[in-house]
Amino acid sequence: MIRFSNVTKAYSKDTVALERLNLEIDQGEFVFLVGASGSGKSTMVRLILKEMEPSAGAIFVNGTKLSSVPRRRIPQL
């Protein structure tokens, strides 16, 4: 399960990619990210892969808060 809890990602004061995103994807579900250019699709994936950190909020994978896990351990979750 992947859960975004009030996740915000701002690149600068004027550039916010995601704002207060709440999303839960259960095991076995398929999700398609569809949206206009600049709507935050790639940012969501980069946050899950821990290529970047959220500005606010938390992301959980199988109940584990990503901020508490080293990036090299992400595939094991």
PDB file of N, CA and C in Angstrom:
ATOM      1  N   MET A   1       0.827  -1.165   0.000  1.00  0.00           N
ATOM      2  CA  MET A   1       0.000   0.000   0.000  1.00  0.00           C
ATOM      3  C   MET A   1       0.883   1.244   0.000  1.00  0.00           C
ATOM      4  N   ILE A   2       0.504   2.220  -0.784  1.00  0.00           N
ATOM      5  CA  ILE A   2       1.188   3.511  -0.815  1.00  0.00           C
ATOM      6  C   ILE A   2       0.175   4.554  -0.378  1.00  0.00           C
ATOM      7  N   ARG A   3       0.583   5.396   0.568  1.00  0.00           N
ATOM      8  CA  ARG A   3      -0.335   6.422   1.062  1.00  0.00           C
ATOM      9  C   ARG A   3       0.366   7.771   1.129  1.00  0.00           C
ATOM     10  N   PHE A   4      -0.218   8.751   0.485  1.00  0.00           N
ATOM     11  CA  PHE A   4       0.217  10.141   0.587  1.00  0.00           C
ATOM     12  C   PHE A   4      -0.700  10.803   1.607  1.00  0.00           C
ATOM     13  N   SER A   5      -0.133  11.406   2.624  1.00  0.00           N
ATOM     14  CA  SER A   5      -0.915  12.044   3.670  1.00  0.00           C
ATOM     15  C   SER A   5      -0.588  13.537   3.723  1.00  0.00           C
ATOM     16  N   ASN A   6      -1.480  14.349   3.175  1.00  0.00           N
ATOM     17  CA  ASN A   6      -1.300  15.809   3.146  1.00  0.00           C
ATOM     18  C   ASN A   6       0.054  16.221   2.584  1.00  0.00           C
ATOM     19  N   VAL A   7       0.464  15.598   1.497  1.00  0.00           N
ATOM     20  CA  VAL A   7       1.788  15.846   0.921  1.00  0.00           C
ATOM     21  C   VAL A   7       1.772  17.101   0.051  1.00  0.00           C
ATOM     22  N   THR A   8       2.725  17.957   0.323  1.00  0.00           N
ATOM     23  CA  THR A   8       2.966  19.144  -0.485  1.00  0.00           C
ATOM     24  C   THR A   8       4.409  19.100  -0.952  1.00  0.00           C
ATOM     25  N   LYS A   9       4.629  19.450  -2.212  1.00  0.00           N
ATOM     26  CA  LYS A   9       5.985  19.593  -2.739  1.00  0.00           C
ATOM     27  C   LYS A   9       6.056  20.932  -3.450  1.00  0.00           C
ATOM     28  N   ALA A  10       6.870  21.817  -2.894  1.00  0.00           N
ATOM     29  CA  ALA A  10       7.083  23.133  -3.488  1.00  0.00           C
ATOM     30  C   ALA A  10       8.544  23.237  -3.890  1.00  0.00           C
ATOM     31  N   TYR A  11       8.774  23.644  -5.119  1.00  0.00           N
ATOM     32  CA  TYR A  11      10.138  23.847  -5.599  1.00  0.00           C
ATOM     33  C   TYR A  11      10.633  25.234  -5.225  1.00  0.00           C
ATOM     34  N   SER A  12       9.712  26.158  -5.099  1.00  0.00           N
ATOM     35  CA  SER A  12      10.000  27.513  -4.634  1.00  0.00           C
ATOM     36  C   SER A  12       8.686  28.078  -4.099  1.00  0.00           C
ATOM     37  N   LYS A  13       8.744  29.293  -3.603  1.00  0.00           N
ATOM     38  CA  LYS A  13       7.536  29.929  -3.064  1.00  0.00           C
ATOM     39  C   LYS A  13       6.429  30.005  -4.117  1.00  0.00           C
ATOM     40  N   ASP A  14       6.823  30.224  -5.359  1.00  0.00           N
ATOM     41  CA  ASP A  14       5.847  30.403  -6.432  1.00  0.00           C
ATOM     42  C   ASP A  14       5.589  29.149  -7.261  1.00  0.00           C
ATOM     43  N   THR A  15       6.341  28.073  -7.020  1.00  0.00           N
ATOM     44  CA  THR A  15       6.201  26.861  -7.826  1.00  0.00           C
ATOM     45  C   THR A  15       5.853  25.679  -6.928  1.00  0.00           C
ATOM     46  N   VAL A  16       4.574  25.363  -6.869  1.00  0.00           N
ATOM     47  CA  VAL A  16       4.087  24.248  -6.056  1.00  0.00           C
ATOM     48  C   VAL A  16       3.628  23.147  -7.001  1.00  0.00           C
ATOM     49  N   ALA A  17       4.263  21.976  -6.904  1.00  0.00           N
ATOM     50  CA  ALA A  17       3.916  20.849  -7.778  1.00  0.00           C
ATOM     51  C   ALA A  17       2.737  20.057  -7.223  1.00  0.00           C
ATOM     52  N   LEU A  18       2.723  19.849  -5.913  1.00  0.00           N
ATOM     53  CA  LEU A  18       1.633  19.123  -5.246  1.00  0.00           C
ATOM     54  C   LEU A  18       1.233  19.908  -4.007  1.00  0.00           C
ATOM     55  N   GLU A  19      -0.054  19.962  -3.733  1.00  0.00           N
ATOM     56  CA  GLU A  19      -0.509  20.693  -2.555  1.00  0.00           C
ATOM     57  C   GLU A  19      -1.541  19.875  -1.791  1.00  0.00           C
ATOM     58  N   ARG A  20      -1.164  19.476  -0.569  1.00  0.00           N
ATOM     59  CA  ARG A  20      -2.034  18.719   0.343  1.00  0.00           C
ATOM     60  C   ARG A  20      -2.638  17.482  -0.323  1.00  0.00           C
ATOM     61  N   LEU A  21      -1.796  16.704  -0.989  1.00  0.00           N
ATOM     62  CA  LEU A  21      -2.253  15.491  -1.676  1.00  0.00           C
ATOM     63  C   LEU A  21      -2.544  14.386  -0.671  1.00  0.00           C
ATOM     64  N   ASN A  22      -3.735  13.823  -0.758  1.00  0.00           N
ATOM     65  CA  ASN A  22      -4.126  12.654   0.025  1.00  0.00           C
ATOM     66  C   ASN A  22      -4.546  11.581  -0.965  1.00  0.00           C
ATOM     67  N   LEU A  23      -3.842  10.453  -0.928  1.00  0.00           N
ATOM     68  CA  LEU A  23      -4.094   9.380  -1.886  1.00  0.00           C
ATOM     69  C   LEU A  23      -3.686   8.064  -1.251  1.00  0.00           C
ATOM     70  N   GLU A  24      -4.508   7.039  -1.436  1.00  0.00           N
ATOM     71  CA  GLU A  24      -4.169   5.704  -0.945  1.00  0.00           C
ATOM     72  C   GLU A  24      -4.313   4.713  -2.090  1.00  0.00           C
ATOM     73  N   ILE A  25      -3.246   3.964  -2.330  1.00  0.00           N
ATOM     74  CA  ILE A  25      -3.231   2.940  -3.375  1.00  0.00           C
ATOM     75  C   ILE A  25      -3.015   1.605  -2.676  1.00  0.00           C
ATOM     76  N   ASP A  26      -4.008   0.736  -2.740  1.00  0.00           N
ATOM     77  CA  ASP A  26      -3.920  -0.560  -2.076  1.00  0.00           C
ATOM     78  C   ASP A  26      -3.137  -1.559  -2.916  1.00  0.00           C
ATOM     79  N   GLN A  27      -2.601  -2.567  -2.245  1.00  0.00           N
ATOM     80  CA  GLN A  27      -1.858  -3.622  -2.930  1.00  0.00           C
ATOM     81  C   GLN A  27      -2.745  -4.267  -3.994  1.00  0.00           C
ATOM     82  N   GLY A  28      -2.183  -4.459  -5.176  1.00  0.00           N
ATOM     83  CA  GLY A  28      -2.909  -5.080  -6.271  1.00  0.00           C
ATOM     84  C   GLY A  28      -3.658  -4.102  -7.161  1.00  0.00           C
ATOM     85  N   GLU A  29      -3.782  -2.860  -6.721  1.00  0.00           N
ATOM     86  CA  GLU A  29      -4.458  -1.852  -7.542  1.00  0.00           C
ATOM     87  C   GLU A  29      -3.517  -1.331  -8.617  1.00  0.00           C
ATOM     88  N   PHE A  30      -4.084  -0.982  -9.759  1.00  0.00           N
ATOM     89  CA  PHE A  30      -3.343  -0.330 -10.832  1.00  0.00           C
ATOM     90  C   PHE A  30      -3.774   1.125 -10.866  1.00  0.00           C
ATOM     91  N   VAL A  31      -2.804   2.005 -10.978  1.00  0.00           N
ATOM     92  CA  VAL A  31      -3.092   3.434 -10.997  1.00  0.00           C
ATOM     93  C   VAL A  31      -2.432   4.053 -12.213  1.00  0.00           C
ATOM     94  N   PHE A  32      -3.165   4.877 -12.904  1.00  0.00           N
ATOM     95  CA  PHE A  32      -2.630   5.631 -14.037  1.00  0.00           C
ATOM     96  C   PHE A  32      -2.581   7.096 -13.638  1.00  0.00           C
ATOM     97  N   LEU A  33      -1.433   7.712 -13.804  1.00  0.00           N
ATOM     98  CA  LEU A  33      -1.299   9.140 -13.523  1.00  0.00           C
ATOM     99  C   LEU A  33      -1.487   9.895 -14.830  1.00  0.00           C
ATOM    100  N   VAL A  34      -2.549  10.642 -14.901  1.00  0.00           N
ATOM    101  CA  VAL A  34      -2.887  11.380 -16.115  1.00  0.00           C
ATOM    102  C   VAL A  34      -3.069  12.843 -15.744  1.00  0.00           C
ATOM    103  N   GLY A  35      -2.487  13.716 -16.528  1.00  0.00           N
ATOM    104  CA  GLY A  35      -2.657  15.139 -16.275  1.00  0.00           C
ATOM    105  C   GLY A  35      -1.830  15.959 -17.231  1.00  0.00           C
ATOM    106  N   ALA A  36      -2.069  17.226 -17.198  1.00  0.00           N
ATOM    107  CA  ALA A  36      -1.345  18.154 -18.067  1.00  0.00           C
ATOM    108  C   ALA A  36       0.121  18.241 -17.650  1.00  0.00           C
ATOM    109  N   SER A  37       0.926  18.728 -18.550  1.00  0.00           N
ATOM    110  CA  SER A  37       2.334  18.961 -18.256  1.00  0.00           C
ATOM    111  C   SER A  37       2.450  19.893 -17.049  1.00  0.00           C
ATOM    112  N   GLY A  38       3.293  19.500 -16.095  1.00  0.00           N
ATOM    113  CA  GLY A  38       3.484  20.326 -14.912  1.00  0.00           C
ATOM    114  C   GLY A  38       2.469  20.109 -13.812  1.00  0.00           C
ATOM    115  N   SER A  39       1.652  19.064 -13.919  1.00  0.00           N
ATOM    116  CA  SER A  39       0.608  18.843 -12.912  1.00  0.00           C
ATOM    117  C   SER A  39       1.070  18.008 -11.716  1.00  0.00           C
ATOM    118  N   GLY A  40       2.320  17.513 -11.734  1.00  0.00           N
ATOM    119  CA  GLY A  40       2.855  16.810 -10.572  1.00  0.00           C
ATOM    120  C   GLY A  40       2.993  15.307 -10.710  1.00  0.00           C
ATOM    121  N   LYS A  41       2.765  14.760 -11.894  1.00  0.00           N
ATOM    122  CA  LYS A  41       2.846  13.297 -12.083  1.00  0.00           C
ATOM    123  C   LYS A  41       4.254  12.774 -11.793  1.00  0.00           C
ATOM    124  N   SER A  42       5.246  13.354 -12.406  1.00  0.00           N
ATOM    125  CA  SER A  42       6.633  12.915 -12.190  1.00  0.00           C
ATOM    126  C   SER A  42       7.074  13.187 -10.763  1.00  0.00           C
ATOM    127  N   THR A  43       6.609  14.273 -10.199  1.00  0.00           N
ATOM    128  CA  THR A  43       6.946  14.598  -8.811  1.00  0.00           C
ATOM    129  C   THR A  43       6.444  13.508  -7.874  1.00  0.00           C
ATOM    130  N   MET A  44       5.237  13.003  -8.100  1.00  0.00           N
ATOM    131  CA  MET A  44       4.705  11.922  -7.263  1.00  0.00           C
ATOM    132  C   MET A  44       5.611  10.697  -7.315  1.00  0.00           C
ATOM    133  N   VAL A  45       6.030  10.315  -8.505  1.00  0.00           N
ATOM    134  CA  VAL A  45       6.889   9.137  -8.661  1.00  0.00           C
ATOM    135  C   VAL A  45       8.238   9.385  -7.998  1.00  0.00           C
ATOM    136  N   ARG A  46       8.809  10.559  -8.188  1.00  0.00           N
ATOM    137  CA  ARG A  46      10.107  10.877  -7.566  1.00  0.00           C
ATOM    138  C   ARG A  46      10.016  10.867  -6.042  1.00  0.00           C
ATOM    139  N   LEU A  47       8.890  11.283  -5.507  1.00  0.00           N
ATOM    140  CA  LEU A  47       8.702  11.243  -4.059  1.00  0.00           C
ATOM    141  C   LEU A  47       8.634   9.804  -3.555  1.00  0.00           C
ATOM    142  N   ILE A  48       7.927   8.938  -4.269  1.00  0.00           N
ATOM    143  CA  ILE A  48       7.831   7.529  -3.870  1.00  0.00           C
ATOM    144  C   ILE A  48       9.206   6.865  -3.919  1.00  0.00           C
ATOM    145  N   LEU A  49       9.999   7.196  -4.931  1.00  0.00           N
ATOM    146  CA  LEU A  49      11.342   6.619  -5.074  1.00  0.00           C
ATOM    147  C   LEU A  49      12.359   7.296  -4.167  1.00  0.00           C
ATOM    148  N   LYS A  50      11.915   8.306  -3.458  1.00  0.00           N
ATOM    149  CA  LYS A  50      12.733   9.082  -2.527  1.00  0.00           C
ATOM    150  C   LYS A  50      13.884   9.795  -3.234  1.00  0.00           C
ATOM    151  N   GLU A  51      13.647  10.181  -4.475  1.00  0.00           N
ATOM    152  CA  GLU A  51      14.609  11.010  -5.194  1.00  0.00           C
ATOM    153  C   GLU A  51      14.532  12.446  -4.686  1.00  0.00           C
ATOM    154  N   MET A  52      13.439  12.770  -4.014  1.00  0.00           N
ATOM    155  CA  MET A  52      13.254  14.074  -3.382  1.00  0.00           C
ATOM    156  C   MET A  52      12.357  13.883  -2.169  1.00  0.00           C
ATOM    157  N   GLU A  53      12.364  14.858  -1.300  1.00  0.00           N
ATOM    158  CA  GLU A  53      11.552  14.809  -0.081  1.00  0.00           C
ATOM    159  C   GLU A  53      10.368  15.767  -0.216  1.00  0.00           C
ATOM    160  N   PRO A  54       9.239  15.439   0.396  1.00  0.00           N
ATOM    161  CA  PRO A  54       8.114  16.375   0.374  1.00  0.00           C
ATOM    162  C   PRO A  54       8.427  17.615   1.214  1.00  0.00           C
ATOM    163  N   SER A  55       7.827  18.722   0.857  1.00  0.00           N
ATOM    164  CA  SER A  55       7.972  19.953   1.645  1.00  0.00           C
ATOM    165  C   SER A  55       7.141  19.865   2.920  1.00  0.00           C
ATOM    166  N   ALA A  56       6.054  19.107   2.853  1.00  0.00           N
ATOM    167  CA  ALA A  56       5.177  18.903   4.010  1.00  0.00           C
ATOM    168  C   ALA A  56       4.429  17.593   3.819  1.00  0.00           C
ATOM    169  N   GLY A  57       3.922  17.053   4.921  1.00  0.00           N
ATOM    170  CA  GLY A  57       3.170  15.806   4.859  1.00  0.00           C
ATOM    171  C   GLY A  57       4.074  14.593   4.921  1.00  0.00           C
ATOM    172  N   ALA A  58       3.492  13.420   4.695  1.00  0.00           N
ATOM    173  CA  ALA A  58       4.242  12.170   4.805  1.00  0.00           C
ATOM    174  C   ALA A  58       3.763  11.168   3.767  1.00  0.00           C
ATOM    175  N   ILE A  59       4.687  10.280   3.385  1.00  0.00           N
ATOM    176  CA  ILE A  59       4.383   9.199   2.449  1.00  0.00           C
ATOM    177  C   ILE A  59       4.690   7.894   3.162  1.00  0.00           C
ATOM    178  N   PHE A  60       3.772   6.942   3.058  1.00  0.00           N
ATOM    179  CA  PHE A  60       3.930   5.643   3.691  1.00  0.00           C
ATOM    180  C   PHE A  60       3.878   4.554   2.628  1.00  0.00           C
ATOM    181  N   VAL A  61       4.745   3.556   2.764  1.00  0.00           N
ATOM    182  CA  VAL A  61       4.711   2.371   1.908  1.00  0.00           C
ATOM    183  C   VAL A  61       4.588   1.175   2.836  1.00  0.00           C
ATOM    184  N   ASN A  62       3.513   0.426   2.678  1.00  0.00           N
ATOM    185  CA  ASN A  62       3.227  -0.722   3.553  1.00  0.00           C
ATOM    186  C   ASN A  62       3.318  -0.345   5.029  1.00  0.00           C
ATOM    187  N   GLY A  63       2.820   0.840   5.363  1.00  0.00           N
ATOM    188  CA  GLY A  63       2.780   1.295   6.746  1.00  0.00           C
ATOM    189  C   GLY A  63       4.052   1.931   7.258  1.00  0.00           C
ATOM    190  N   THR A  64       5.117   1.913   6.468  1.00  0.00           N
ATOM    191  CA  THR A  64       6.394   2.488   6.881  1.00  0.00           C
ATOM    192  C   THR A  64       6.536   3.892   6.314  1.00  0.00           C
ATOM    193  N   LYS A  65       6.853   4.839   7.182  1.00  0.00           N
ATOM    194  CA  LYS A  65       7.038   6.223   6.752  1.00  0.00           C
ATOM    195  C   LYS A  65       8.346   6.329   5.969  1.00  0.00           C
ATOM    196  N   LEU A  66       8.262   6.787   4.716  1.00  0.00           N
ATOM    197  CA  LEU A  66       9.445   6.827   3.850  1.00  0.00           C
ATOM    198  C   LEU A  66      10.570   7.683   4.410  1.00  0.00           C
ATOM    199  N   SER A  67      10.239   8.736   5.131  1.00  0.00           N
ATOM    200  CA  SER A  67      11.290   9.610   5.663  1.00  0.00           C
ATOM    201  C   SER A  67      12.186   8.893   6.666  1.00  0.00           C
ATOM    202  N   SER A  68      11.729   7.762   7.206  1.00  0.00           N
ATOM    203  CA  SER A  68      12.525   7.017   8.186  1.00  0.00           C
ATOM    204  C   SER A  68      13.332   5.882   7.559  1.00  0.00           C
ATOM    205  N   VAL A  69      13.263   5.753   6.230  1.00  0.00           N
ATOM    206  CA  VAL A  69      13.915   4.637   5.537  1.00  0.00           C
ATOM    207  C   VAL A  69      15.009   5.169   4.615  1.00  0.00           C
ATOM    208  N   PRO A  70      16.217   4.582   4.666  1.00  0.00           N
ATOM    209  CA  PRO A  70      17.250   4.980   3.705  1.00  0.00           C
ATOM    210  C   PRO A  70      16.804   4.645   2.279  1.00  0.00           C
ATOM    211  N   ARG A  71      17.205   5.466   1.340  1.00  0.00           N
ATOM    212  CA  ARG A  71      16.773   5.292  -0.054  1.00  0.00           C
ATOM    213  C   ARG A  71      17.105   3.898  -0.585  1.00  0.00           C
ATOM    214  N   ARG A  72      18.228   3.344  -0.203  1.00  0.00           N
ATOM    215  CA  ARG A  72      18.640   2.028  -0.714  1.00  0.00           C
ATOM    216  C   ARG A  72      17.694   0.909  -0.266  1.00  0.00           C
ATOM    217  N   ARG A  73      16.893   1.155   0.783  1.00  0.00           N
ATOM    218  CA  ARG A  73      15.951   0.146   1.289  1.00  0.00           C
ATOM    219  C   ARG A  73      14.572   0.221   0.651  1.00  0.00           C
ATOM    220  N   ILE A  74      14.314   1.230  -0.153  1.00  0.00           N
ATOM    221  CA  ILE A  74      12.986   1.416  -0.748  1.00  0.00           C
ATOM    222  C   ILE A  74      12.522   0.171  -1.511  1.00  0.00           C
ATOM    223  N   PRO A  75      13.351  -0.462  -2.343  1.00  0.00           N
ATOM    224  CA  PRO A  75      12.880  -1.652  -3.075  1.00  0.00           C
ATOM    225  C   PRO A  75      12.442  -2.807  -2.160  1.00  0.00           C
ATOM    226  N   GLN A  76      12.943  -2.853  -0.932  1.00  0.00           N
ATOM    227  CA  GLN A  76      12.600  -3.933  -0.008  1.00  0.00           C
ATOM    228  C   GLN A  76      11.224  -3.743   0.626  1.00  0.00           C
ATOM    229  N   LEU A  77      10.686  -2.541   0.531  1.00  0.00           N
ATOM    230  CA  LEU A  77       9.378  -2.287   1.140  1.00  0.00           C
ATOM    231  C   LEU A  77       8.293  -2.923   0.304  1.00  0.00           C
TER     232      LEU A  77
END
